[in-house]
């Protein structure tokens, strides 16, 4: 629960002032009774609900999982387009509203690319100088590519928002101890020292 005074949130453990200028110490909210809080106008409100922006809109509704063609939401006053007409770029190509799955797959692609880039210097060195690529690096790079393909498949196989959220979470036992990640993990850099 959260406390409010005159429409403003009051963080616990922080000193505050009322509109009449009375100063209260940082521990007052913790030590005061409900009646004392009410007497000076403090109300207790439910904590605001936050939604994971990857999956939900700000109002809590699930975002579309799939891509769709962008359309105009209303008629153009000049009559250039009508509500429901397809939105096109200046070159005539269709504007796409990317769904959650496409956006998550793009993030996975960027993650895989950044992991592969760590050892691009060995690929360049091999090309320019003929120096062999370390075998652990080859194994790592192959594992990154395989993990990306698997993660992409796992995302695409999710039928709804709940299953997609579950995929990005982890499994815990009855004591609350971590068991495993639900999604295939990228390999660990073989030369990571920390």
Protein backbone atom coordinates (compact mmCIF):
# COMPACT_ATOMS: atom_id res chain seq x y z
CA UNK A 1 0.00 0.00 0.00
CA UNK A 2 1.03 3.57 -0.66
CA UNK A 3 0.24 6.77 1.20
CA UNK A 4 -1.02 10.01 -0.34
CA UNK A 5 -1.41 13.53 1.03
CA UNK A 6 -3.18 16.20 -1.00
CA UNK A 7 -2.98 13.94 -4.08
CA UNK A 8 0.80 13.47 -3.78
CA UNK A 9 2.51 10.19 -2.97
CA UNK A 10 4.41 10.05 0.32
CA UNK A 11 7.40 7.73 0.25
CA UNK A 12 7.93 5.80 3.50
CA UNK A 13 11.14 6.78 5.28
CA UNK A 14 11.20 10.35 3.93
CA UNK A 15 10.35 13.50 5.87
CA UNK A 16 7.37 15.48 4.57
CA UNK A 17 5.36 18.69 5.11
CA UNK A 18 1.62 19.21 5.17
CA UNK A 19 -0.03 22.10 3.32
CA UNK A 20 -0.15 24.11 6.57
CA UNK A 21 3.65 23.86 6.84
CA UNK A 22 3.85 21.26 9.60
CA UNK A 23 7.03 19.20 9.21
CA UNK A 24 6.96 15.45 9.93
CA UNK A 25 10.09 13.30 10.42
CA UNK A 26 11.12 10.46 8.10
CA UNK A 27 9.91 7.73 10.47
CA UNK A 28 6.45 9.26 11.10
CA UNK A 29 4.57 7.17 8.52
CA UNK A 30 6.03 3.98 9.98
CA UNK A 31 5.33 4.85 13.61
CA UNK A 32 1.93 6.58 13.32
CA UNK A 33 -1.42 4.84 13.62
CA UNK A 34 -4.06 4.77 10.89
CA UNK A 35 -6.14 7.28 12.88
CA UNK A 36 -3.18 9.69 13.18
CA UNK A 37 -2.59 9.50 9.44
CA UNK A 38 -6.27 10.09 8.70
CA UNK A 39 -6.37 13.06 11.10
CA UNK A 40 -3.88 15.02 8.97
CA UNK A 41 -5.42 13.96 5.64
CA UNK A 42 -3.23 11.02 4.66
CA UNK A 43 -5.00 8.30 2.74
CA UNK A 44 -3.83 4.80 2.01
CA UNK A 45 -4.14 3.80 -1.63
CA UNK A 46 -3.44 0.64 -3.54
CA UNK A 47 -0.05 0.60 -5.20
CA UNK A 48 -0.33 1.43 -8.88
CA UNK A 49 -0.29 -1.56 -11.18
CA UNK A 50 2.62 -1.74 -13.57
CA UNK A 51 2.55 -3.85 -16.69
CA UNK A 52 5.54 -5.26 -18.54
CA UNK A 53 5.75 -3.00 -21.58
CA UNK A 54 7.06 -5.83 -23.74
CA UNK A 55 3.72 -7.61 -23.49
CA UNK A 56 1.12 -5.09 -22.31
CA UNK A 57 -0.14 -1.62 -23.11
CA UNK A 58 -0.20 0.93 -20.28
CA UNK A 59 -3.86 0.16 -19.56
CA UNK A 60 -3.09 -3.54 -19.01
CA UNK A 61 -4.46 -4.83 -22.29
CA UNK A 62 -2.26 -7.35 -24.09
CA UNK A 63 -0.36 -6.12 -27.12
CA UNK A 64 -0.88 -7.92 -30.41
CA UNK A 65 1.46 -10.88 -30.78
CA UNK A 66 1.40 -10.77 -34.58
CA UNK A 67 2.24 -8.18 -37.22
CA UNK A 68 -0.51 -6.26 -38.97
CA UNK A 69 -0.81 -3.72 -41.74
CA UNK A 70 -1.14 -0.17 -40.43
CA UNK A 71 -4.46 1.52 -41.28
CA UNK A 72 -5.77 5.03 -40.78
CA UNK A 73 -7.85 5.34 -37.59
CA UNK A 74 -10.19 8.01 -39.05
CA UNK A 75 -11.10 9.79 -42.27
CA UNK A 76 -8.80 12.50 -43.57
CA UNK A 77 -10.60 15.90 -43.50
CA UNK A 78 -9.27 16.58 -47.03
CA UNK A 79 -10.54 13.24 -48.32
CA UNK A 80 -7.06 11.87 -49.13
CA UNK A 81 -7.78 8.65 -47.25
CA UNK A 82 -10.60 7.04 -45.35
CA UNK A 83 -10.75 5.25 -42.03
CA UNK A 84 -9.38 1.72 -42.51
CA UNK A 85 -7.30 2.54 -45.61
CA UNK A 86 -3.79 1.09 -45.59
CA UNK A 87 -0.99 3.45 -44.51
CA UNK A 88 1.88 3.54 -47.01
CA UNK A 89 5.36 5.03 -46.93
CA UNK A 90 6.23 7.64 -49.56
CA UNK A 91 7.78 4.88 -51.70
CA UNK A 92 4.46 3.00 -51.72
CA UNK A 93 5.45 0.17 -49.37
CA UNK A 94 3.09 -0.84 -46.62
CA UNK A 95 3.61 0.42 -43.06
CA UNK A 96 3.64 -2.55 -40.67
CA UNK A 97 2.64 -2.57 -37.01
CA UNK A 98 5.08 -5.10 -35.60
CA UNK A 99 3.68 -7.49 -33.02
CA UNK A 100 5.28 -8.60 -29.79
CA UNK A 101 6.79 -11.74 -31.31
CA UNK A 102 8.53 -9.82 -34.11
CA UNK A 103 9.90 -7.30 -31.64
CA UNK A 104 11.19 -10.00 -29.28
CA UNK A 105 12.80 -11.90 -32.15
CA UNK A 106 14.53 -8.68 -33.25
CA UNK A 107 15.96 -8.30 -29.74
CA UNK A 108 17.15 -11.91 -29.87
CA UNK A 109 18.79 -11.27 -33.24
CA UNK A 110 20.62 -8.25 -31.83
CA UNK A 111 21.70 -10.23 -28.76
CA UNK A 112 23.08 -13.03 -30.91
CA UNK A 113 24.85 -10.52 -33.17
CA UNK A 114 26.49 -8.84 -30.19
CA UNK A 115 27.69 -12.19 -28.82
CA UNK A 116 29.10 -13.18 -32.21
CA UNK A 117 30.79 -9.79 -32.61
CA UNK A 118 33.00 -10.48 -29.60
CA UNK A 119 35.12 -12.79 -31.73
CA UNK A 120 34.73 -11.23 -35.16
CA UNK A 121 38.35 -10.20 -34.85
CA UNK A 122 39.36 -13.86 -35.02
CA UNK A 123 37.35 -14.32 -38.23
CA UNK A 124 39.02 -11.26 -39.75
CA UNK A 125 42.44 -12.46 -38.58
CA UNK A 126 41.78 -15.86 -40.19
CA UNK A 127 40.80 -14.17 -43.46
CA UNK A 128 43.70 -11.73 -43.50
CA UNK A 129 46.51 -13.78 -41.97
CA UNK A 130 45.37 -17.37 -42.13
CA UNK A 131 45.64 -17.73 -38.33
CA UNK A 132 43.36 -20.50 -37.05
CA UNK A 133 40.25 -19.59 -35.09
CA UNK A 134 40.38 -20.91 -31.51
CA UNK A 135 38.31 -24.09 -31.29
CA UNK A 136 36.45 -22.88 -28.18
CA UNK A 137 35.49 -19.74 -30.11
CA UNK A 138 34.13 -21.78 -33.02
CA UNK A 139 32.14 -23.90 -30.56
CA UNK A 140 30.84 -20.77 -28.81
CA UNK A 141 29.81 -19.08 -32.07
CA UNK A 142 28.00 -22.21 -33.28
CA UNK A 143 26.20 -22.46 -29.92
CA UNK A 144 25.12 -18.79 -30.13
CA UNK A 145 23.62 -19.38 -33.58
CA UNK A 146 21.86 -22.54 -32.38
CA UNK A 147 20.48 -20.78 -29.28
CA UNK A 148 19.17 -17.92 -31.42
CA UNK A 149 17.34 -20.33 -33.75
CA UNK A 150 15.88 -22.22 -30.77
CA UNK A 151 14.80 -19.04 -28.97
CA UNK A 152 13.16 -17.76 -32.15
CA UNK A 153 11.23 -21.05 -32.43
CA UNK A 154 10.25 -20.92 -28.74
CA UNK A 155 8.86 -17.41 -29.21
CA UNK A 156 6.95 -18.33 -32.37
CA UNK A 157 5.48 -21.43 -30.68
CA UNK A 158 3.78 -19.35 -27.95
CA UNK A 159 0.04 -19.26 -28.58
CA UNK A 160 -0.82 -16.35 -26.29
CA UNK A 161 0.58 -13.62 -24.07
CA UNK A 162 0.55 -15.80 -20.94
CA UNK A 163 2.69 -18.50 -22.57
CA UNK A 164 5.10 -15.87 -23.91
CA UNK A 165 5.49 -14.33 -20.44
CA UNK A 166 6.05 -17.79 -18.97
CA UNK A 167 8.74 -18.43 -21.58
CA UNK A 168 10.64 -15.33 -20.42
CA UNK A 169 10.36 -16.34 -16.75
CA UNK A 170 12.03 -19.08 -14.75
CA UNK A 171 10.85 -22.17 -12.90
CA UNK A 172 11.15 -22.34 -9.08
CA UNK A 173 10.56 -25.25 -6.73
CA UNK A 174 8.04 -25.31 -3.88
CA UNK A 175 10.60 -23.64 -1.58
CA UNK A 176 11.03 -20.77 -4.03
CA UNK A 177 14.48 -21.88 -5.15
CA UNK A 178 15.50 -21.38 -8.76
CA UNK A 179 15.24 -24.54 -10.88
CA UNK A 180 15.81 -23.38 -14.47
CA UNK A 181 15.14 -20.72 -17.04
CA UNK A 182 12.14 -21.55 -19.19
CA UNK A 183 13.83 -20.32 -22.37
CA UNK A 184 16.95 -21.75 -23.97
CA UNK A 185 19.95 -19.74 -22.77
CA UNK A 186 22.81 -18.35 -24.82
CA UNK A 187 26.17 -19.98 -24.13
CA UNK A 188 28.73 -18.43 -21.82
CA UNK A 189 31.70 -16.73 -23.43
CA UNK A 190 34.56 -19.25 -23.09
CA UNK A 191 37.05 -16.49 -22.29
CA UNK A 192 34.92 -14.54 -19.82
CA UNK A 193 37.03 -13.83 -16.74
CA UNK A 194 34.42 -12.43 -14.36
